[in-house]
Amino acid sequence: MKLSEFLEDYGGWLAFVIALIATMGSLYYSEVAGFIPCRLCWYQRILMYPLTIITLVGALRRDDYLPGYVLPLSLIGMAVSAYHYLMEKGVVPASNTCAADVPCSISYVNYLGFITIALMAFTAFTLITLIMFGMRAAYRRDNAEQLPIPGEAY
């Protein structure tokens, strides 16, 4: 099975699983571990949580337009989480939009010295984005193969 065929058949489900794991992970960190989300974490949640529902419905309906619904949220999510990660690592100065009691520049977790919650969110958004671009390319390839060749009779 080719990658394009796999993404056509299972891309929506794969994106759903990634979004669900990211959603459950963020809920774990805030509700079980007790970490208070910063403002940028909330923006990332606002972009990720709907992806769980959108990808589930798109996968169930086998919607060819799913990438069009998902890509705006996942691309903006990538940008927000990349900015957040760079802020955590000190590459970008701390923003004035973050609250003083929960600053965006601190890391609650730091696995292996570089894996933070912002990096995990960035990874989830990136994987979902790549899957959606792959699905869109596969759908376009299928539609191009179904078009009649100009000048040929049906």
Protein backbone atom coordinates (compact mmCIF):
# COMPACT_ATOMS: atom_id res chain seq x y z
CA MET A 1 0.00 0.00 0.00
CA LYS A 2 1.36 3.38 -1.03
CA LEU A 3 1.54 6.26 1.42
CA SER A 4 -1.02 8.27 -0.55
CA GLU A 5 -3.48 5.37 -0.40
CA PHE A 6 -2.86 4.94 3.32
CA LEU A 7 -3.44 8.64 3.99
CA GLU A 8 -6.56 8.62 1.85
CA ASP A 9 -7.99 5.70 3.82
CA TYR A 10 -6.66 6.35 7.32
CA GLY A 11 -5.30 9.92 7.43
CA GLY A 12 -8.38 11.31 9.15
CA TRP A 13 -8.20 8.61 11.79
CA LEU A 14 -4.48 9.13 12.31
CA ALA A 15 -5.00 12.88 12.76
CA PHE A 16 -7.86 12.15 15.16
CA VAL A 17 -5.66 9.90 17.32
CA ILE A 18 -2.91 12.54 17.45
CA ALA A 19 -5.39 15.30 18.35
CA LEU A 20 -7.02 13.09 20.98
CA ILE A 21 -3.67 12.23 22.59
CA ALA A 22 -2.69 15.92 22.62
CA THR A 23 -6.04 16.89 24.14
CA MET A 24 -5.88 14.18 26.79
CA GLY A 25 -2.25 15.10 27.55
CA SER A 26 -3.08 18.75 28.08
CA LEU A 27 -6.00 17.82 30.31
CA TYR A 28 -3.74 15.50 32.28
CA TYR A 29 -1.15 18.22 32.85
CA SER A 30 -3.75 20.74 34.04
CA GLU A 31 -6.31 18.57 35.85
CA VAL A 32 -4.20 15.73 37.27
CA ALA A 33 -0.68 17.13 37.55
CA GLY A 34 -2.05 20.52 38.62
CA PHE A 35 -0.08 22.71 36.18
CA ILE A 36 -1.84 26.02 35.55
CA PRO A 37 -1.86 26.74 31.79
CA CYS A 38 -0.35 30.03 30.66
CA ARG A 39 -2.04 32.25 28.08
CA LEU A 40 -0.17 30.71 25.13
CA CYS A 41 -1.08 27.24 26.40
CA TRP A 42 -4.74 28.31 26.31
CA TYR A 43 -4.37 29.51 22.72
CA GLN A 44 -2.86 26.15 21.78
CA ARG A 45 -5.76 24.36 23.49
CA ILE A 46 -8.28 26.56 21.68
CA LEU A 47 -6.71 25.40 18.41
CA MET A 48 -6.22 21.71 19.34
CA TYR A 49 -9.47 20.77 21.09
CA PRO A 50 -11.72 21.43 18.06
CA LEU A 51 -9.35 19.36 15.91
CA THR A 52 -10.34 16.31 17.94
CA ILE A 53 -14.00 16.71 16.98
CA ILE A 54 -13.37 17.91 13.42
CA THR A 55 -11.04 15.02 12.59
CA LEU A 56 -13.40 12.49 14.17
CA VAL A 57 -16.37 13.71 12.14
CA GLY A 58 -14.23 13.98 9.00
CA ALA A 59 -12.89 10.45 9.43
CA LEU A 60 -16.35 9.01 10.07
CA ARG A 61 -17.77 10.75 7.00
CA ARG A 62 -14.62 10.13 4.90
CA ASP A 63 -14.79 13.80 3.98
CA ASP A 64 -12.53 14.81 1.10
CA TYR A 65 -12.60 18.40 2.38
CA LEU A 66 -11.19 17.52 5.81
CA PRO A 67 -7.77 19.08 5.11
CA GLY A 68 -9.46 22.39 4.32
CA TYR A 69 -11.13 22.40 7.73
CA VAL A 70 -8.09 21.26 9.69
CA LEU A 71 -5.15 23.07 8.07
CA PRO A 72 -6.01 26.61 9.22
CA LEU A 73 -6.18 25.49 12.84
CA SER A 74 -3.10 23.26 12.68
CA LEU A 75 -0.94 25.84 10.89
CA ILE A 76 -1.84 28.59 13.36
CA GLY A 77 -1.26 26.09 16.19
CA MET A 78 2.19 25.33 14.82
CA ALA A 79 3.05 29.03 14.82
CA VAL A 80 1.76 29.64 18.36
CA SER A 81 3.50 26.59 19.82
CA ALA A 82 6.77 27.37 18.00
CA TYR A 83 6.68 30.91 19.39
CA HIS A 84 5.90 29.53 22.85
CA TYR A 85 8.78 27.04 22.69
CA LEU A 86 11.23 29.73 21.58
CA MET A 87 10.03 31.88 24.46
CA GLU A 88 10.53 29.03 26.92
CA LYS A 89 14.09 28.49 25.68
CA GLY A 90 14.94 32.21 25.88
CA VAL A 91 15.39 32.72 22.14
CA VAL A 92 12.47 35.17 22.06
CA PRO A 93 11.97 37.60 24.95
CA ALA A 94 9.01 36.99 27.26
CA SER A 95 5.83 38.60 25.99
CA ASN A 96 3.79 41.23 27.80
CA THR A 97 0.62 39.27 26.97
CA CYS A 98 1.50 36.60 29.52
CA ALA A 99 0.23 36.99 33.05
CA ALA A 100 2.67 37.64 35.87
CA ASP A 101 1.26 34.81 38.00
CA VAL A 102 1.59 32.23 35.18
CA PRO A 103 4.41 33.37 32.87
CA CYS A 104 4.69 31.79 29.42
CA SER A 105 8.47 31.57 29.64
CA ILE A 106 8.64 28.86 32.33
CA SER A 107 8.58 25.13 31.62
CA TYR A 108 6.62 22.81 33.86
CA VAL A 109 8.24 19.79 32.23
CA ASN A 110 11.60 19.46 30.55
CA TYR A 111 12.13 15.87 29.45
CA LEU A 112 15.62 15.06 28.15
CA GLY A 113 16.51 18.72 28.53
CA PHE A 114 14.46 19.97 25.58
CA ILE A 115 10.99 18.36 25.46
CA THR A 116 8.48 20.78 26.95
CA ILE A 117 4.70 20.97 26.72
CA ALA A 118 5.04 23.59 23.97
CA LEU A 119 7.30 21.27 21.96
CA MET A 120 4.83 18.42 22.40
CA ALA A 121 2.03 20.68 21.11
CA PHE A 122 4.23 21.78 18.19
CA THR A 123 4.92 18.14 17.32
CA ALA A 124 1.20 17.27 17.39
CA PHE A 125 0.26 20.27 15.23
CA THR A 126 3.09 19.47 12.80
CA LEU A 127 2.10 15.81 12.45
CA ILE A 128 -1.54 16.74 11.87
CA THR A 129 -0.48 19.35 9.30
CA LEU A 130 1.73 16.88 7.42
CA ILE A 131 -1.05 14.28 7.38
CA MET A 132 -3.54 16.84 6.05
CA PHE A 133 -1.17 18.00 3.30
CA GLY A 134 -0.62 14.35 2.37
CA MET A 135 -4.37 13.70 2.28
CA ARG A 136 -4.96 16.79 0.16
CA ALA A 137 -2.27 15.72 -2.31
CA ALA A 138 -3.74 12.21 -2.50
CA TYR A 139 -7.25 13.55 -3.13
CA ARG A 140 -5.97 15.90 -5.83
CA ARG A 141 -4.05 13.08 -7.49
CA ASP A 142 -7.18 10.91 -7.56
CA ASN A 143 -9.29 13.72 -8.97
CA ALA A 144 -6.69 14.44 -11.66
CA GLU A 145 -6.71 10.79 -12.73
CA GLN A 146 -10.51 10.84 -13.07
CA LEU A 147 -10.58 13.84 -15.40
CA PRO A 148 -10.99 13.07 -19.11
CA ILE A 149 -8.05 13.81 -21.36
CA PRO A 150 -8.80 16.82 -23.56
CA GLY A 151 -9.58 15.86 -27.14
CA GLU A 152 -10.57 12.28 -26.34
CA ALA A 153 -14.08 11.01 -26.74
CA TYR A 154 -15.77 9.49 -23.72
